[in-house]
Amino acid sequence: MRVLVTGGAGFIGSQFVRDLLGGDCPGFEDARVTVLDKLTYAGNLANLAGVAQHPRYAFVHGDIADGALLADLLPGFDVVVNFAAETHVDRSISDSSAFLRSNVLGVHQLLEASRAAGVTTFLQVSTDEVYGSIDRGSWPETDPLLPNSPYAAAKAGADLLCRSYHRTYGMDVRITRCSNNYGPYQYPEKLIPLFVTNLLDGLPVPLYGDGLNVRDWLHVADHCRGIRLVLAKGEPGEVYNIGGGTELTNEELTGRLLDACGADWSMVRRVADRPGHDRRYSVKISKLAELGYAPAVDFAAGLAETVRWYRENESWWRPLKGGRGA
């Protein structure tokens, strides 16, 4: 089996690659894994250093929006798993153009090249943010897409393109929608690594608005476990939510991070809320549970392990923050 992982040098994609090549993924024991990554600010070959010499690993530096590159690369691959995306909401509010190019036009190019090459299965990694905001209950996969940020709108557009390629061309396209990820190797613009690295430096952390926005937290290893289940047991044309089962307000999460880093609330700076800030996300995971999924990483243990990783791997995150105080 040949697997192409696009965006495989990023936070979640690199976890997926390390897992596939780690030898304990049923069905992928002999898989040859190629990573295609543009190596933008969030792509980092250091994330793949542990598998760089693996005999079943290869790396290609390139962009999913480059149709000529894809036309040469895709023939011979059985599976494409697309992690490649611009993902930071705040960046999408400042300038959405890169999000449309990667998250919509890039996915279109990847679908076209996969169709032409006869790829067997195409898996699109999406986000719960495409659903918008929910006051109570949890979204099933059949709920309408009501995105509220340019990032979420671009991801929703990609989801609809993927659906159309299944319905129009009969491609085996599957979509996963995850809740908020955390874990090692996450770029330090995201909430947990930003807060942890700031606190380790003795710097304050910014808490948006009243701090009562709610997110469901999913360890990156559980997310990748869910993706592998969808590849192994999922159905063509279907969507599968992947959640972690731990809902916290941003204020509650901040309190846990302060405790983990030996800091107190004097280190918190309340800042103006961002435009269109969704109040609550919550995905229903019963559909994936029917395939055998359940979160395996306890949140308290996973958060402690994540904080410890950043504490012990300053050489990884320090250059990404541009020095102390960045």
Protein backbone atom coordinates (compact mmCIF):
# COMPACT_ATOMS: atom_id res chain seq x y z
CA MET A 1 0.00 0.00 0.00
CA ARG A 2 1.21 3.51 -0.85
CA VAL A 3 -0.12 6.39 1.26
CA LEU A 4 0.31 10.09 0.46
CA VAL A 5 -0.02 12.34 3.52
CA THR A 6 -0.37 15.97 2.52
CA GLY A 7 0.51 18.48 5.22
CA GLY A 8 2.39 15.66 6.91
CA ALA A 9 5.03 17.94 8.44
CA GLY A 10 2.43 19.80 10.50
CA PHE A 11 1.21 19.08 14.01
CA ILE A 12 -1.51 16.52 13.31
CA GLY A 13 -0.14 15.17 10.04
CA SER A 14 3.24 14.37 11.55
CA GLN A 15 1.58 12.47 14.40
CA PHE A 16 -0.32 10.43 11.80
CA VAL A 17 2.90 9.69 9.90
CA ARG A 18 4.83 8.74 13.03
CA ASP A 19 1.97 6.41 14.01
CA LEU A 20 1.80 4.75 10.58
CA LEU A 21 5.52 4.07 10.56
CA GLY A 22 5.60 3.02 14.21
CA GLY A 23 4.52 -0.52 13.43
CA ASP A 24 1.37 -0.78 15.56
CA CYS A 25 -1.29 0.32 13.06
CA PRO A 26 -3.29 -2.67 11.80
CA GLY A 27 -3.57 -2.64 8.03
CA PHE A 28 -0.63 -0.28 7.56
CA GLU A 29 2.25 -2.51 8.68
CA ASP A 30 3.84 -2.49 5.22
CA ALA A 31 2.55 0.88 4.00
CA ARG A 32 4.98 3.13 2.15
CA VAL A 33 4.32 6.67 3.34
CA THR A 34 5.13 9.80 1.36
CA VAL A 35 4.71 13.24 2.90
CA LEU A 36 3.91 16.21 0.65
CA ASP A 37 4.29 19.50 2.48
CA LYS A 38 4.79 23.11 1.42
CA LEU A 39 6.72 23.82 4.66
CA THR A 40 4.97 27.07 5.44
CA TYR A 41 5.45 28.52 8.93
CA ALA A 42 3.49 25.64 10.51
CA GLY A 43 5.24 22.83 8.62
CA ASN A 44 8.41 21.64 10.28
CA LEU A 45 10.68 18.79 9.24
CA ALA A 46 11.80 18.53 12.86
CA ASN A 47 8.37 16.99 13.52
CA LEU A 48 9.41 14.06 11.31
CA ALA A 49 13.01 13.71 12.45
CA GLY A 50 12.23 10.45 14.21
CA VAL A 51 11.13 8.76 10.97
CA ALA A 52 13.34 10.61 8.47
CA GLN A 53 15.55 7.54 7.94
CA HIS A 54 12.71 5.02 7.90
CA PRO A 55 12.93 2.77 4.81
CA ARG A 56 9.21 3.21 4.04
CA TYR A 57 9.24 7.03 4.33
CA ALA A 58 9.76 9.69 1.65
CA PHE A 59 9.33 13.44 1.63
CA VAL A 60 8.33 15.75 -1.23
CA HIS A 61 8.50 19.52 -0.84
CA GLY A 62 5.49 20.94 -2.65
CA ASP A 63 2.08 22.58 -2.64
CA ILE A 64 -1.29 20.82 -3.02
CA ALA A 65 -2.33 23.76 -5.22
CA ASP A 66 0.38 22.84 -7.77
CA GLY A 67 -1.55 20.79 -10.33
CA ALA A 68 1.51 19.89 -12.41
CA LEU A 69 3.35 18.54 -9.39
CA LEU A 70 0.34 16.48 -8.33
CA ALA A 71 -0.13 15.05 -11.80
CA ASP A 72 3.42 13.69 -11.69
CA LEU A 73 3.27 12.55 -8.06
CA LEU A 74 -0.13 10.90 -7.57
CA PRO A 75 -0.02 7.91 -9.96
CA GLY A 76 0.62 4.73 -7.99
CA PHE A 77 -0.81 5.91 -4.67
CA ASP A 78 -3.63 3.94 -3.08
CA VAL A 79 -4.63 6.37 -0.33
CA VAL A 80 -4.47 10.15 0.06
CA VAL A 81 -4.96 11.70 3.50
CA ASN A 82 -5.20 15.48 3.31
CA PHE A 83 -4.08 17.41 6.38
CA ALA A 84 -2.74 20.33 4.33
CA ALA A 85 -4.53 23.52 5.33
CA GLU A 86 -4.24 26.98 6.74
CA THR A 87 -5.84 26.58 10.16
CA HIS A 88 -5.47 29.61 12.44
CA VAL A 89 -8.74 31.54 12.79
CA ASP A 90 -7.10 34.82 13.76
CA ARG A 91 -4.91 34.74 10.65
CA SER A 92 -7.99 34.08 8.49
CA ILE A 93 -9.69 37.16 9.95
CA SER A 94 -6.67 39.32 9.10
CA ASP A 95 -6.29 37.93 5.55
CA SER A 96 -8.37 35.08 4.17
CA SER A 97 -6.70 34.80 0.76
CA ALA A 98 -4.20 32.10 1.76
CA PHE A 99 -7.04 30.10 3.33
CA LEU A 100 -9.03 30.08 0.10
CA ARG A 101 -5.97 29.11 -1.93
CA SER A 102 -4.95 26.17 0.27
CA ASN A 103 -8.22 25.02 1.81
CA VAL A 104 -10.44 25.28 -1.28
CA LEU A 105 -8.38 25.59 -4.47
CA GLY A 106 -5.69 23.26 -3.14
CA VAL A 107 -8.25 20.62 -2.21
CA HIS A 108 -9.79 20.93 -5.67
CA GLN A 109 -6.40 20.31 -7.30
CA LEU A 110 -5.78 17.35 -5.02
CA LEU A 111 -9.18 15.83 -5.79
CA GLU A 112 -8.67 16.27 -9.53
CA ALA A 113 -5.21 14.70 -9.46
CA SER A 114 -6.43 11.83 -7.26
CA ARG A 115 -9.31 11.14 -9.63
CA ALA A 116 -7.04 11.18 -12.66
CA ALA A 117 -4.53 8.88 -10.96
CA GLY A 118 -7.14 6.36 -9.82
CA VAL A 119 -6.46 6.80 -6.10
CA THR A 120 -8.55 4.24 -4.22
CA THR A 121 -9.45 6.28 -1.11
CA PHE A 122 -9.27 10.02 -0.43
CA LEU A 123 -9.69 11.17 3.18
CA GLN A 124 -10.27 14.86 3.89
CA VAL A 125 -9.37 16.00 7.41
CA SER A 126 -11.83 18.72 8.40
CA THR A 127 -12.96 20.49 11.56
CA ASP A 128 -15.99 20.88 13.80
CA GLU A 129 -15.82 24.62 13.09
CA VAL A 130 -17.69 24.07 9.82
CA TYR A 131 -20.87 23.56 11.88
CA GLY A 132 -20.71 27.04 13.42
CA SER A 133 -21.72 27.37 17.08
CA ILE A 134 -24.12 25.30 19.17
CA ASP A 135 -25.74 26.42 22.44
CA ARG A 136 -26.63 22.97 23.71
CA GLY A 137 -26.37 19.36 22.64
CA SER A 138 -23.88 18.05 20.09
CA TRP A 139 -23.72 18.11 16.30
CA PRO A 140 -24.37 14.91 14.36
CA GLU A 141 -22.72 14.66 10.97
CA THR A 142 -26.03 15.45 9.25
CA ASP A 143 -26.34 18.97 10.69
CA PRO A 144 -26.01 21.84 8.20
CA LEU A 145 -22.71 23.65 7.73
CA LEU A 146 -22.92 27.19 9.15
CA PRO A 147 -19.31 28.43 9.39
CA ASN A 148 -18.66 31.78 11.08
CA SER A 149 -15.00 32.52 10.24
CA PRO A 150 -13.19 32.69 6.90
CA TYR A 151 -11.14 29.67 8.01
CA ALA A 152 -14.23 27.61 8.80
CA ALA A 153 -15.94 28.74 5.58
CA ALA A 154 -12.94 27.61 3.52
CA LYS A 155 -12.94 24.21 5.24
CA ALA A 156 -16.69 23.89 4.67
CA GLY A 157 -16.14 24.64 0.99
CA ALA A 158 -13.58 21.85 0.81
CA ASP A 159 -16.00 19.44 2.51
CA LEU A 160 -18.67 20.22 -0.07
CA LEU A 161 -16.19 19.75 -2.93
CA CYS A 162 -15.25 16.36 -1.50
CA ARG A 163 -18.89 15.35 -1.26
CA SER A 164 -19.45 16.40 -4.86
CA TYR A 165 -16.55 14.28 -6.09
CA HIS A 166 -18.09 11.25 -4.42
CA ARG A 167 -21.55 11.89 -5.80
CA THR A 168 -20.53 13.03 -9.29
CA TYR A 169 -17.50 10.87 -10.03
CA GLY A 170 -18.03 7.94 -7.67
CA MET A 171 -14.74 8.55 -5.84
CA ASP A 172 -14.26 6.95 -2.45
CA VAL A 173 -14.02 10.18 -0.49
CA ARG A 174 -14.37 10.20 3.30
CA ILE A 175 -14.43 13.22 5.61
CA THR A 176 -13.50 13.50 9.28
CA ARG A 177 -14.39 16.51 11.45
CA CYS A 178 -12.43 16.84 14.65
CA SER A 179 -12.74 18.96 17.77
CA ASN A 180 -9.87 21.04 19.20
CA ASN A 181 -6.60 19.12 19.15
CA TYR A 182 -3.76 19.34 21.66
CA GLY A 183 -0.49 17.51 22.23
CA PRO A 184 3.24 17.68 21.44
CA TYR A 185 4.55 19.49 18.34
CA GLN A 186 1.62 21.93 18.11
CA TYR A 187 2.67 25.29 16.67
CA PRO A 188 2.79 27.87 19.49
CA GLU A 189 0.18 30.23 18.09
CA LYS A 190 -2.58 27.88 19.29
CA LEU A 191 -4.08 28.31 22.75
CA ILE A 192 -2.46 25.50 24.74
CA PRO A 193 1.12 25.78 23.42
CA LEU A 194 0.93 29.59 23.42
CA PHE A 195 -0.17 29.69 27.04
CA VAL A 196 2.30 27.02 28.15
CA THR A 197 5.33 28.55 26.45
CA ASN A 198 4.42 32.05 27.67
CA LEU A 199 4.03 30.82 31.23
CA LEU A 200 7.30 28.90 31.07
CA ASP A 201 8.90 32.22 30.11
CA GLY A 202 7.16 34.08 32.94
CA LEU A 203 5.02 36.01 30.45
CA PRO A 204 1.28 36.77 30.69
CA VAL A 205 -1.32 34.95 28.61
CA PRO A 206 -4.20 36.56 26.65
CA LEU A 207 -7.73 35.35 27.43
CA TYR A 208 -10.38 36.40 24.93
CA GLY A 209 -13.57 38.11 26.11
CA ASP A 210 -15.31 36.66 29.15
CA GLY A 211 -13.45 33.34 28.77
CA LEU A 212 -16.68 31.34 28.63
CA ASN A 213 -16.34 30.01 25.08
CA VAL A 214 -16.51 26.20 25.25
CA ARG A 215 -14.37 23.75 23.30
CA ASP A 216 -14.14 19.95 23.28
CA TRP A 217 -10.50 18.85 23.64
CA LEU A 218 -9.09 15.93 21.67
CA HIS A 219 -5.58 14.55 22.05
CA VAL A 220 -3.83 14.37 18.70
CA ALA A 221 -3.13 10.65 19.16
CA ASP A 222 -6.86 9.97 19.59
CA HIS A 223 -7.59 12.07 16.51
CA CYS A 224 -5.17 10.03 14.41
CA ARG A 225 -6.59 6.81 15.84
CA GLY A 226 -10.03 7.93 14.65
CA ILE A 227 -8.72 8.72 11.17
CA ARG A 228 -7.19 5.26 10.88
CA LEU A 229 -10.53 3.72 11.87
CA VAL A 230 -12.30 5.70 9.15
CA LEU A 231 -9.73 4.53 6.61
CA ALA A 232 -10.08 0.92 7.72
CA LYS A 233 -13.82 0.67 8.35
CA GLY A 234 -15.50 3.83 7.08
CA GLU A 235 -17.83 4.05 4.12
CA PRO A 236 -17.28 6.03 0.91
CA GLY A 237 -19.06 9.38 0.90
CA GLU A 238 -19.56 9.45 4.66
CA VAL A 239 -18.61 12.03 7.28
CA TYR A 240 -17.33 11.05 10.74
CA ASN A 241 -17.00 13.34 13.76
CA ILE A 242 -13.98 12.76 16.03
CA GLY A 243 -14.23 14.20 19.54
CA GLY A 244 -12.30 13.96 22.77
CA GLY A 245 -15.16 14.10 25.25
CA THR A 246 -13.75 16.88 27.46
CA GLU A 247 -15.64 20.17 27.19
CA LEU A 248 -14.13 23.13 29.00
CA THR A 249 -14.59 26.87 28.91
CA ASN A 250 -11.45 28.74 27.92
CA GLU A 251 -11.38 30.09 31.47
CA GLU A 252 -11.45 26.58 32.93
CA LEU A 253 -8.69 25.48 30.58
CA THR A 254 -6.63 28.54 31.51
CA GLY A 255 -6.93 27.62 35.19
CA ARG A 256 -5.63 24.12 34.48
CA LEU A 257 -2.70 25.48 32.48
CA LEU A 258 -1.83 27.97 35.23
CA ASP A 259 -1.78 25.12 37.76
CA ALA A 260 0.32 22.92 35.48
CA CYS A 261 2.89 25.68 35.00
CA GLY A 262 2.98 26.82 38.64
CA ALA A 263 1.43 30.21 37.87
CA ASP A 264 -1.61 32.14 39.12
CA TRP A 265 -4.30 34.40 37.70
CA SER A 266 -2.07 37.46 37.90
CA MET A 267 -0.50 36.11 34.68
CA VAL A 268 -3.80 36.40 32.75
CA ARG A 269 -4.60 39.44 30.61
CA ARG A 270 -8.17 39.84 29.47
CA VAL A 271 -8.24 40.97 25.83
CA ALA A 272 -11.02 42.05 23.47
CA ASP A 273 -12.89 39.14 21.93
CA ARG A 274 -12.18 38.32 18.32
CA PRO A 275 -14.86 38.96 15.67
CA GLY A 276 -17.34 36.14 15.13
CA HIS A 277 -15.98 34.08 18.04
CA ASP A 278 -18.06 30.89 18.20
CA ARG A 279 -19.50 30.30 21.66
CA ARG A 280 -19.47 26.52 21.87
CA TYR A 281 -18.42 23.47 19.84
CA SER A 282 -19.55 19.93 20.56
CA VAL A 283 -19.58 16.94 18.21
CA LYS A 284 -21.59 13.75 18.52
CA ILE A 285 -19.25 10.78 18.03
CA SER A 286 -21.71 7.86 18.09
CA LYS A 287 -21.22 7.18 14.37
CA LEU A 288 -17.48 6.69 14.80
CA ALA A 289 -18.07 4.76 18.03
CA GLU A 290 -19.90 2.17 15.93
CA LEU A 291 -16.57 1.55 14.19
CA GLY A 292 -14.87 0.98 17.55
CA TYR A 293 -13.74 4.50 18.49
CA ALA A 294 -13.48 5.86 22.00
CA PRO A 295 -11.02 8.50 23.27
CA ALA A 296 -8.12 6.67 24.92
CA VAL A 297 -6.13 9.59 26.35
CA ASP A 298 -7.42 10.93 29.66
CA PHE A 299 -7.46 14.73 29.40
CA ALA A 300 -5.73 15.42 32.71
CA ALA A 301 -2.95 12.98 31.89
CA GLY A 302 -2.70 14.17 28.30
CA LEU A 303 -2.48 17.81 29.33
CA ALA A 304 0.19 17.07 31.93
CA GLU A 305 2.20 15.12 29.35
CA THR A 306 1.82 17.97 26.85
CA VAL A 307 3.03 20.60 29.32
CA ARG A 308 5.96 18.36 30.21
CA TRP A 309 6.83 17.97 26.51
CA TYR A 310 7.01 21.73 25.98
CA ARG A 311 9.01 22.13 29.18
CA GLU A 312 11.53 19.55 27.95
CA ASN A 313 11.65 20.63 24.29
CA GLU A 314 12.40 24.32 24.38
CA SER A 315 14.82 23.85 21.48
CA TRP A 316 11.83 22.91 19.30
CA TRP A 317 9.49 25.79 20.13
CA ARG A 318 11.89 28.63 20.94
CA PRO A 319 12.88 29.32 17.31
CA LEU A 320 9.20 29.27 16.29
CA LYS A 321 8.40 32.08 18.71
CA GLY A 322 11.29 34.20 17.50
CA GLY A 323 12.97 34.37 20.89
CA ARG A 324 11.79 35.24 24.37
CA GLY A 325 8.61 37.26 24.53
CA ALA A 326 7.50 36.69 20.95
